[in-house]
All heavy atoms as atom14 arrays in JSON, in Angstrom:
{
  "sequence": "IFDFMERKKVIELVNFLYENNTTLASEVQAYFGELYS",
  "atom14_mask": [
    [1, 1, 1, 1, 1, 1, 1, 1, 0, 0, 0, 0, 0, 0],
    [1, 1, 1, 1, 1, 1, 1, 1, 1, 1, 1, 0, 0, 0],
    [1, 1, 1, 1, 1, 1, 1, 1, 0, 0, 0, 0, 0, 0],
    [1, 1, 1, 1, 1, 1, 1, 1, 1, 1, 1, 0, 0, 0],
    [1, 1, 1, 1, 1, 1, 1, 1, 0, 0, 0, 0, 0, 0],
    [1, 1, 1, 1, 1, 1, 1, 1, 1, 0, 0, 0, 0, 0],
    [1, 1, 1, 1, 1, 1, 1, 1, 1, 1, 1, 0, 0, 0],
    [1, 1, 1, 1, 1, 1, 1, 1, 1, 0, 0, 0, 0, 0],
    [1, 1, 1, 1, 1, 1, 1, 1, 1, 0, 0, 0, 0, 0],
    [1, 1, 1, 1, 1, 1, 1, 0, 0, 0, 0, 0, 0, 0],
    [1, 1, 1, 1, 1, 1, 1, 1, 0, 0, 0, 0, 0, 0],
    [1, 1, 1, 1, 1, 1, 1, 1, 1, 0, 0, 0, 0, 0],
    [1, 1, 1, 1, 1, 1, 1, 1, 0, 0, 0, 0, 0, 0],
    [1, 1, 1, 1, 1, 1, 1, 0, 0, 0, 0, 0, 0, 0],
    [1, 1, 1, 1, 1, 1, 1, 1, 0, 0, 0, 0, 0, 0],
    [1, 1, 1, 1, 1, 1, 1, 1, 1, 1, 1, 0, 0, 0],
    [1, 1, 1, 1, 1, 1, 1, 1, 0, 0, 0, 0, 0, 0],
    [1, 1, 1, 1, 1, 1, 1, 1, 1, 1, 1, 1, 0, 0],
    [1, 1, 1, 1, 1, 1, 1, 1, 1, 0, 0, 0, 0, 0],
    [1, 1, 1, 1, 1, 1, 1, 1, 0, 0, 0, 0, 0, 0],
    [1, 1, 1, 1, 1, 1, 1, 1, 0, 0, 0, 0, 0, 0],
    [1, 1, 1, 1, 1, 1, 1, 0, 0, 0, 0, 0, 0, 0],
    [1, 1, 1, 1, 1, 1, 1, 0, 0, 0, 0, 0, 0, 0],
    [1, 1, 1, 1, 1, 1, 1, 1, 0, 0, 0, 0, 0, 0],
    [1, 1, 1, 1, 1, 0, 0, 0, 0, 0, 0, 0, 0, 0],
    [1, 1, 1, 1, 1, 1, 0, 0, 0, 0, 0, 0, 0, 0],
    [1, 1, 1, 1, 1, 1, 1, 1, 1, 0, 0, 0, 0, 0],
    [1, 1, 1, 1, 1, 1, 1, 0, 0, 0, 0, 0, 0, 0],
    [1, 1, 1, 1, 1, 1, 1, 1, 1, 0, 0, 0, 0, 0],
    [1, 1, 1, 1, 1, 0, 0, 0, 0, 0, 0, 0, 0, 0],
    [1, 1, 1, 1, 1, 1, 1, 1, 1, 1, 1, 1, 0, 0],
    [1, 1, 1, 1, 1, 1, 1, 1, 1, 1, 1, 0, 0, 0],
    [1, 1, 1, 1, 0, 0, 0, 0, 0, 0, 0, 0, 0, 0],
    [1, 1, 1, 1, 1, 1, 1, 1, 1, 0, 0, 0, 0, 0],
    [1, 1, 1, 1, 1, 1, 1, 1, 0, 0, 0, 0, 0, 0],
    [1, 1, 1, 1, 1, 1, 1, 1, 1, 1, 1, 1, 0, 0],
    [1, 1, 1, 1, 1, 1, 0, 0, 0, 0, 0, 0, 0, 0]
  ],
  "atom14_positions": [
    [[78.13, 75.63, 103.16], [77.17, 76.52, 103.83], [77.0, 77.83, 103.03], [75.93, 78.41, 103.03], [77.56, 76.8, 105.28], [76.38, 77.44, 106.02], [78.84, 77.62, 105.36], [76.55, 77.52, 107.52], [0.0, 0.0, 0.0], [0.0, 0.0, 0.0], [0.0, 0.0, 0.0], [0.0, 0.0, 0.0], [0.0, 0.0, 0.0], [0.0, 0.0, 0.0]],
    [[78.04, 78.25, 102.35], [77.97, 79.5, 101.63], [77.11, 79.41, 100.36], [76.83, 80.43, 99.74], [79.39, 80.02, 101.31], [80.19, 80.28, 102.56], [81.3, 79.53, 102.84], [79.79, 81.24, 103.47], [82.04, 79.72, 104.01], [80.51, 81.46, 104.64], [81.64, 80.7, 104.91], [0.0, 0.0, 0.0], [0.0, 0.0, 0.0], [0.0, 0.0, 0.0]],
    [[76.66, 78.23, 100.02], [75.68, 78.08, 98.96], [74.3, 78.48, 99.45], [73.4, 78.73, 98.66], [75.6, 76.63, 98.47], [76.82, 76.21, 97.66], [77.58, 77.1, 97.22], [76.99, 74.99, 97.45], [0.0, 0.0, 0.0], [0.0, 0.0, 0.0], [0.0, 0.0, 0.0], [0.0, 0.0, 0.0], [0.0, 0.0, 0.0], [0.0, 0.0, 0.0]],
    [[74.12, 78.56, 100.78], [72.83, 78.81, 101.38], [72.75, 80.12, 102.14], [71.67, 80.68, 102.31], [72.47, 77.68, 102.35], [72.43, 76.33, 101.68], [73.55, 75.53, 101.64], [71.28, 75.88, 101.07], [73.53, 74.29, 101.01], [71.24, 74.66, 100.44], [72.37, 73.85, 100.41], [0.0, 0.0, 0.0], [0.0, 0.0, 0.0], [0.0, 0.0, 0.0]],
    [[73.9, 80.6, 102.62], [73.91, 81.8, 103.46], [75.06, 82.72, 103.05], [76.13, 82.24, 102.65], [74.1, 81.45, 104.93], [72.99, 80.67, 105.55], [73.29, 80.33, 107.3], [73.03, 81.98, 107.98], [0.0, 0.0, 0.0], [0.0, 0.0, 0.0], [0.0, 0.0, 0.0], [0.0, 0.0, 0.0], [0.0, 0.0, 0.0], [0.0, 0.0, 0.0]],
    [[74.83, 84.02, 103.21], [75.89, 85.0, 102.97], [76.99, 84.84, 104.01], [76.72, 84.54, 105.18], [75.34, 86.42, 103.06], [74.3, 86.75, 102.04], [73.65, 88.1, 102.33], [74.25, 88.93, 103.06], [72.55, 88.32, 101.83], [0.0, 0.0, 0.0], [0.0, 0.0, 0.0], [0.0, 0.0, 0.0], [0.0, 0.0, 0.0], [0.0, 0.0, 0.0]],
    [[78.22, 85.09, 103.62], [79.37, 84.99, 104.51], [79.17, 85.82, 105.78], [79.44, 85.38, 106.91], [80.64, 85.41, 103.79], [81.89, 85.23, 104.6], [83.15, 85.41, 103.74], [83.22, 84.44, 102.67], [83.68, 83.18, 102.79], [84.1, 82.74, 103.95], [83.73, 82.37, 101.76], [0.0, 0.0, 0.0], [0.0, 0.0, 0.0], [0.0, 0.0, 0.0]],
    [[78.64, 87.04, 105.63], [78.44, 87.94, 106.77], [77.53, 87.31, 107.81], [77.76, 87.39, 109.0], [77.86, 89.27, 106.27], [77.57, 90.26, 107.35], [76.94, 91.53, 106.78], [76.5, 92.45, 107.88], [75.79, 93.6, 107.38], [0.0, 0.0, 0.0], [0.0, 0.0, 0.0], [0.0, 0.0, 0.0], [0.0, 0.0, 0.0], [0.0, 0.0, 0.0]],
    [[76.47, 86.65, 107.34], [75.51, 86.02, 108.27], [76.12, 84.8, 108.96], [75.89, 84.58, 110.15], [74.25, 85.63, 107.53], [73.43, 86.83, 107.09], [72.17, 86.43, 106.39], [71.35, 87.65, 106.02], [70.06, 87.3, 105.44], [0.0, 0.0, 0.0], [0.0, 0.0, 0.0], [0.0, 0.0, 0.0], [0.0, 0.0, 0.0], [0.0, 0.0, 0.0]],
    [[76.9, 84.04, 108.23], [77.57, 82.87, 108.83], [78.52, 83.35, 109.93], [78.53, 82.79, 111.03], [78.32, 82.05, 107.76], [79.15, 80.96, 108.42], [77.34, 81.45, 106.77], [0.0, 0.0, 0.0], [0.0, 0.0, 0.0], [0.0, 0.0, 0.0], [0.0, 0.0, 0.0], [0.0, 0.0, 0.0], [0.0, 0.0, 0.0], [0.0, 0.0, 0.0]],
    [[79.28, 84.37, 109.64], [80.23, 84.91, 110.62], [79.48, 85.41, 111.86], [79.9, 85.17, 112.99], [81.1, 86.03, 110.0], [82.04, 85.4, 108.97], [81.87, 86.8, 111.06], [82.77, 86.39, 108.09], [0.0, 0.0, 0.0], [0.0, 0.0, 0.0], [0.0, 0.0, 0.0], [0.0, 0.0, 0.0], [0.0, 0.0, 0.0], [0.0, 0.0, 0.0]],
    [[78.35, 86.1, 111.64], [77.56, 86.59, 112.76], [77.09, 85.44, 113.66], [77.19, 85.51, 114.88], [76.36, 87.36, 112.22], [75.45, 87.93, 113.29], [74.32, 88.74, 112.71], [73.69, 88.31, 111.72], [74.07, 89.82, 113.26], [0.0, 0.0, 0.0], [0.0, 0.0, 0.0], [0.0, 0.0, 0.0], [0.0, 0.0, 0.0], [0.0, 0.0, 0.0]],
    [[76.62, 84.37, 113.04], [76.16, 83.21, 113.8], [77.32, 82.52, 114.52], [77.2, 82.15, 115.69], [75.43, 82.24, 112.9], [74.08, 82.73, 112.39], [73.55, 81.8, 111.31], [73.08, 82.86, 113.52], [0.0, 0.0, 0.0], [0.0, 0.0, 0.0], [0.0, 0.0, 0.0], [0.0, 0.0, 0.0], [0.0, 0.0, 0.0], [0.0, 0.0, 0.0]],
    [[78.42, 82.31, 113.82], [79.57, 81.65, 114.42], [80.08, 82.47, 115.62], [80.39, 81.91, 116.67], [80.68, 81.42, 113.39], [81.98, 80.99, 114.06], [80.24, 80.39, 112.37], [0.0, 0.0, 0.0], [0.0, 0.0, 0.0], [0.0, 0.0, 0.0], [0.0, 0.0, 0.0], [0.0, 0.0, 0.0], [0.0, 0.0, 0.0], [0.0, 0.0, 0.0]],
    [[80.15, 83.78, 115.46], [80.58, 84.64, 116.56], [79.66, 84.5, 117.76], [80.12, 84.41, 118.91], [80.68, 86.08, 116.12], [81.88, 86.36, 115.26], [82.84, 85.59, 115.25], [81.83, 87.43, 114.5], [0.0, 0.0, 0.0], [0.0, 0.0, 0.0], [0.0, 0.0, 0.0], [0.0, 0.0, 0.0], [0.0, 0.0, 0.0], [0.0, 0.0, 0.0]],
    [[78.35, 84.47, 117.53], [77.4, 84.29, 118.62], [77.64, 82.96, 119.33], [77.68, 82.9, 120.57], [75.96, 84.36, 118.12], [74.97, 84.01, 119.18], [74.57, 84.96, 120.12], [74.46, 82.73, 119.3], [73.68, 84.62, 121.13], [73.56, 82.37, 120.29], [73.18, 83.34, 121.21], [0.0, 0.0, 0.0], [0.0, 0.0, 0.0], [0.0, 0.0, 0.0]],
    [[77.78, 81.89, 118.56], [77.97, 80.57, 119.15], [79.26, 80.53, 119.98], [79.27, 79.99, 121.1], [78.01, 79.51, 118.05], [76.71, 79.3, 117.27], [76.95, 78.44, 116.06], [75.63, 78.72, 118.16], [0.0, 0.0, 0.0], [0.0, 0.0, 0.0], [0.0, 0.0, 0.0], [0.0, 0.0, 0.0], [0.0, 0.0, 0.0], [0.0, 0.0, 0.0]],
    [[80.32, 81.12, 119.44], [81.61, 81.11, 120.13], [81.53, 81.96, 121.41], [81.95, 81.53, 122.48], [82.69, 81.64, 119.2], [84.05, 81.71, 119.85], [84.81, 80.56, 120.06], [84.59, 82.93, 120.24], [86.06, 80.61, 120.66], [85.83, 83.01, 120.85], [86.57, 81.85, 121.06], [87.78, 81.92, 121.67], [0.0, 0.0, 0.0], [0.0, 0.0, 0.0]],
    [[81.02, 83.18, 121.29], [80.97, 84.1, 122.42], [80.07, 83.58, 123.55], [80.27, 83.92, 124.71], [80.51, 85.5, 121.97], [81.55, 86.18, 121.11], [81.0, 87.43, 120.41], [79.84, 87.8, 120.63], [81.77, 88.0, 119.61], [0.0, 0.0, 0.0], [0.0, 0.0, 0.0], [0.0, 0.0, 0.0], [0.0, 0.0, 0.0], [0.0, 0.0, 0.0]],
    [[79.06, 82.8, 123.2], [78.11, 82.29, 124.19], [78.37, 80.83, 124.54], [77.57, 80.23, 125.27], [76.68, 82.49, 123.69], [76.34, 83.97, 123.66], [76.0, 84.54, 124.68], [76.46, 84.58, 122.49], [0.0, 0.0, 0.0], [0.0, 0.0, 0.0], [0.0, 0.0, 0.0], [0.0, 0.0, 0.0], [0.0, 0.0, 0.0], [0.0, 0.0, 0.0]],
    [[79.45, 80.28, 124.03], [79.86, 78.91, 124.32], [78.67, 77.94, 124.21], [78.33, 77.2, 125.15], [80.49, 78.82, 125.71], [81.21, 77.51, 125.91], [81.77, 76.95, 124.97], [81.2, 77.01, 127.14], [0.0, 0.0, 0.0], [0.0, 0.0, 0.0], [0.0, 0.0, 0.0], [0.0, 0.0, 0.0], [0.0, 0.0, 0.0], [0.0, 0.0, 0.0]],
    [[78.03, 77.98, 123.04], [76.88, 77.13, 122.83], [76.86, 76.58, 121.41], [77.51, 77.14, 120.52], [75.56, 77.89, 123.1], [74.46, 76.97, 123.02], [75.34, 79.02, 122.11], [0.0, 0.0, 0.0], [0.0, 0.0, 0.0], [0.0, 0.0, 0.0], [0.0, 0.0, 0.0], [0.0, 0.0, 0.0], [0.0, 0.0, 0.0], [0.0, 0.0, 0.0]],
    [[76.13, 75.53, 121.23], [75.87, 74.98, 119.91], [74.37, 74.76, 119.72], [73.95, 74.13, 118.76], [76.59, 73.64, 119.69], [76.16, 72.71, 120.69], [78.1, 73.82, 119.74], [0.0, 0.0, 0.0], [0.0, 0.0, 0.0], [0.0, 0.0, 0.0], [0.0, 0.0, 0.0], [0.0, 0.0, 0.0], [0.0, 0.0, 0.0], [0.0, 0.0, 0.0]],
    [[73.58, 75.28, 120.63], [72.14, 75.05, 120.62], [71.4, 76.01, 119.68], [71.46, 77.22, 119.84], [71.56, 75.19, 122.01], [72.08, 74.2, 123.06], [71.5, 74.51, 124.43], [71.74, 72.78, 122.65], [0.0, 0.0, 0.0], [0.0, 0.0, 0.0], [0.0, 0.0, 0.0], [0.0, 0.0, 0.0], [0.0, 0.0, 0.0], [0.0, 0.0, 0.0]],
    [[70.7, 75.43, 118.72], [69.92, 76.24, 117.8], [68.85, 77.04, 118.53], [68.52, 78.16, 118.15], [69.28, 75.37, 116.73], [0.0, 0.0, 0.0], [0.0, 0.0, 0.0], [0.0, 0.0, 0.0], [0.0, 0.0, 0.0], [0.0, 0.0, 0.0], [0.0, 0.0, 0.0], [0.0, 0.0, 0.0], [0.0, 0.0, 0.0], [0.0, 0.0, 0.0]],
    [[68.33, 76.5, 119.63], [67.3, 77.2, 120.4], [67.84, 78.51, 120.98], [67.12, 79.51, 121.06], [66.75, 76.33, 121.5], [67.78, 75.92, 122.39], [0.0, 0.0, 0.0], [0.0, 0.0, 0.0], [0.0, 0.0, 0.0], [0.0, 0.0, 0.0], [0.0, 0.0, 0.0], [0.0, 0.0, 0.0], [0.0, 0.0, 0.0], [0.0, 0.0, 0.0]],
    [[69.09, 78.53, 121.37], [69.69, 79.76, 121.9], [69.9, 80.79, 120.79], [69.71, 81.98, 120.99], [71.01, 79.46, 122.63], [70.79, 78.71, 123.92], [72.06, 78.54, 124.73], [72.98, 79.36, 124.6], [72.12, 77.56, 125.49], [0.0, 0.0, 0.0], [0.0, 0.0, 0.0], [0.0, 0.0, 0.0], [0.0, 0.0, 0.0], [0.0, 0.0, 0.0]],
    [[70.3, 80.31, 119.63], [70.44, 81.21, 118.47], [69.08, 81.81, 118.14], [68.95, 83.02, 117.93], [71.03, 80.45, 117.25], [71.01, 81.33, 116.01], [72.43, 79.95, 117.56], [0.0, 0.0, 0.0], [0.0, 0.0, 0.0], [0.0, 0.0, 0.0], [0.0, 0.0, 0.0], [0.0, 0.0, 0.0], [0.0, 0.0, 0.0], [0.0, 0.0, 0.0]],
    [[68.05, 80.98, 118.1], [66.7, 81.43, 117.77], [66.2, 82.43, 118.8], [65.59, 83.44, 118.44], [65.75, 80.23, 117.68], [64.39, 80.56, 117.17], [64.38, 80.91, 115.7], [65.2, 80.46, 114.93], [63.45, 81.76, 115.3], [0.0, 0.0, 0.0], [0.0, 0.0, 0.0], [0.0, 0.0, 0.0], [0.0, 0.0, 0.0], [0.0, 0.0, 0.0]],
    [[66.46, 82.16, 120.07], [66.03, 83.08, 121.12], [66.71, 84.44, 120.99], [66.08, 85.48, 121.19], [66.31, 82.47, 122.49], [0.0, 0.0, 0.0], [0.0, 0.0, 0.0], [0.0, 0.0, 0.0], [0.0, 0.0, 0.0], [0.0, 0.0, 0.0], [0.0, 0.0, 0.0], [0.0, 0.0, 0.0], [0.0, 0.0, 0.0], [0.0, 0.0, 0.0]],
    [[67.96, 84.45, 120.62], [68.72, 85.7, 120.52], [68.36, 86.47, 119.25], [68.1, 87.67, 119.29], [70.23, 85.41, 120.55], [71.06, 86.65, 120.46], [71.29, 87.42, 121.61], [71.64, 87.07, 119.27], [72.05, 88.57, 121.55], [72.39, 88.22, 119.21], [72.6, 88.98, 120.33], [73.35, 90.13, 120.26], [0.0, 0.0, 0.0], [0.0, 0.0, 0.0]],
    [[68.35, 85.78, 118.13], [68.14, 86.46, 116.83], [66.66, 86.55, 116.42], [66.33, 87.29, 115.5], [68.92, 85.77, 115.71], [70.4, 85.94, 115.84], [71.22, 84.94, 116.32], [71.01, 87.13, 115.43], [72.6, 85.11, 116.41], [72.38, 87.31, 115.52], [73.17, 86.3, 116.01], [0.0, 0.0, 0.0], [0.0, 0.0, 0.0], [0.0, 0.0, 0.0]],
    [[65.82, 85.78, 117.06], [64.39, 85.81, 116.74], [64.13, 85.37, 115.3], [64.68, 84.37, 114.85], [0.0, 0.0, 0.0], [0.0, 0.0, 0.0], [0.0, 0.0, 0.0], [0.0, 0.0, 0.0], [0.0, 0.0, 0.0], [0.0, 0.0, 0.0], [0.0, 0.0, 0.0], [0.0, 0.0, 0.0], [0.0, 0.0, 0.0], [0.0, 0.0, 0.0]],
    [[63.31, 86.11, 114.63], [62.88, 85.75, 113.27], [63.94, 86.03, 112.2], [63.72, 85.75, 111.04], [61.59, 86.49, 112.92], [60.42, 86.1, 113.8], [60.05, 84.64, 113.7], [60.01, 84.12, 112.56], [59.85, 84.01, 114.76], [0.0, 0.0, 0.0], [0.0, 0.0, 0.0], [0.0, 0.0, 0.0], [0.0, 0.0, 0.0], [0.0, 0.0, 0.0]],
    [[65.06, 86.58, 112.59], [66.11, 86.9, 111.61], [66.62, 85.64, 110.91], [66.93, 85.66, 109.73], [67.27, 87.62, 112.32], [68.37, 88.19, 111.42], [67.81, 89.19, 110.42], [69.45, 88.86, 112.27], [0.0, 0.0, 0.0], [0.0, 0.0, 0.0], [0.0, 0.0, 0.0], [0.0, 0.0, 0.0], [0.0, 0.0, 0.0], [0.0, 0.0, 0.0]],
    [[66.68, 84.54, 111.64], [67.12, 83.26, 111.08], [66.11, 82.19, 111.43], [65.58, 82.17, 112.52], [68.5, 82.85, 111.63], [69.6, 83.82, 111.34], [70.12, 84.64, 112.33], [70.11, 83.95, 110.05], [71.13, 85.55, 112.05], [71.13, 84.86, 109.77], [71.63, 85.64, 110.76], [72.62, 86.54, 110.48], [0.0, 0.0, 0.0], [0.0, 0.0, 0.0]],
    [[65.91, 81.26, 110.53], [65.05, 80.12, 110.84], [65.92, 79.01, 111.4], [67.14, 79.04, 111.3], [64.34, 79.64, 109.56], [65.27, 79.08, 108.66], [0.0, 0.0, 0.0], [0.0, 0.0, 0.0], [0.0, 0.0, 0.0], [0.0, 0.0, 0.0], [0.0, 0.0, 0.0], [0.0, 0.0, 0.0], [0.0, 0.0, 0.0], [0.0, 0.0, 0.0]]
  ]
}
């Protein structure tokens, strides 16, 4: 994954997934908006 994304961004996403007990990309998209595709 680090070939495609900076470590800081991966950590930010993983933290969101963990804290919100989800694996749904739609929830990530709703929270972060256009920041991540």
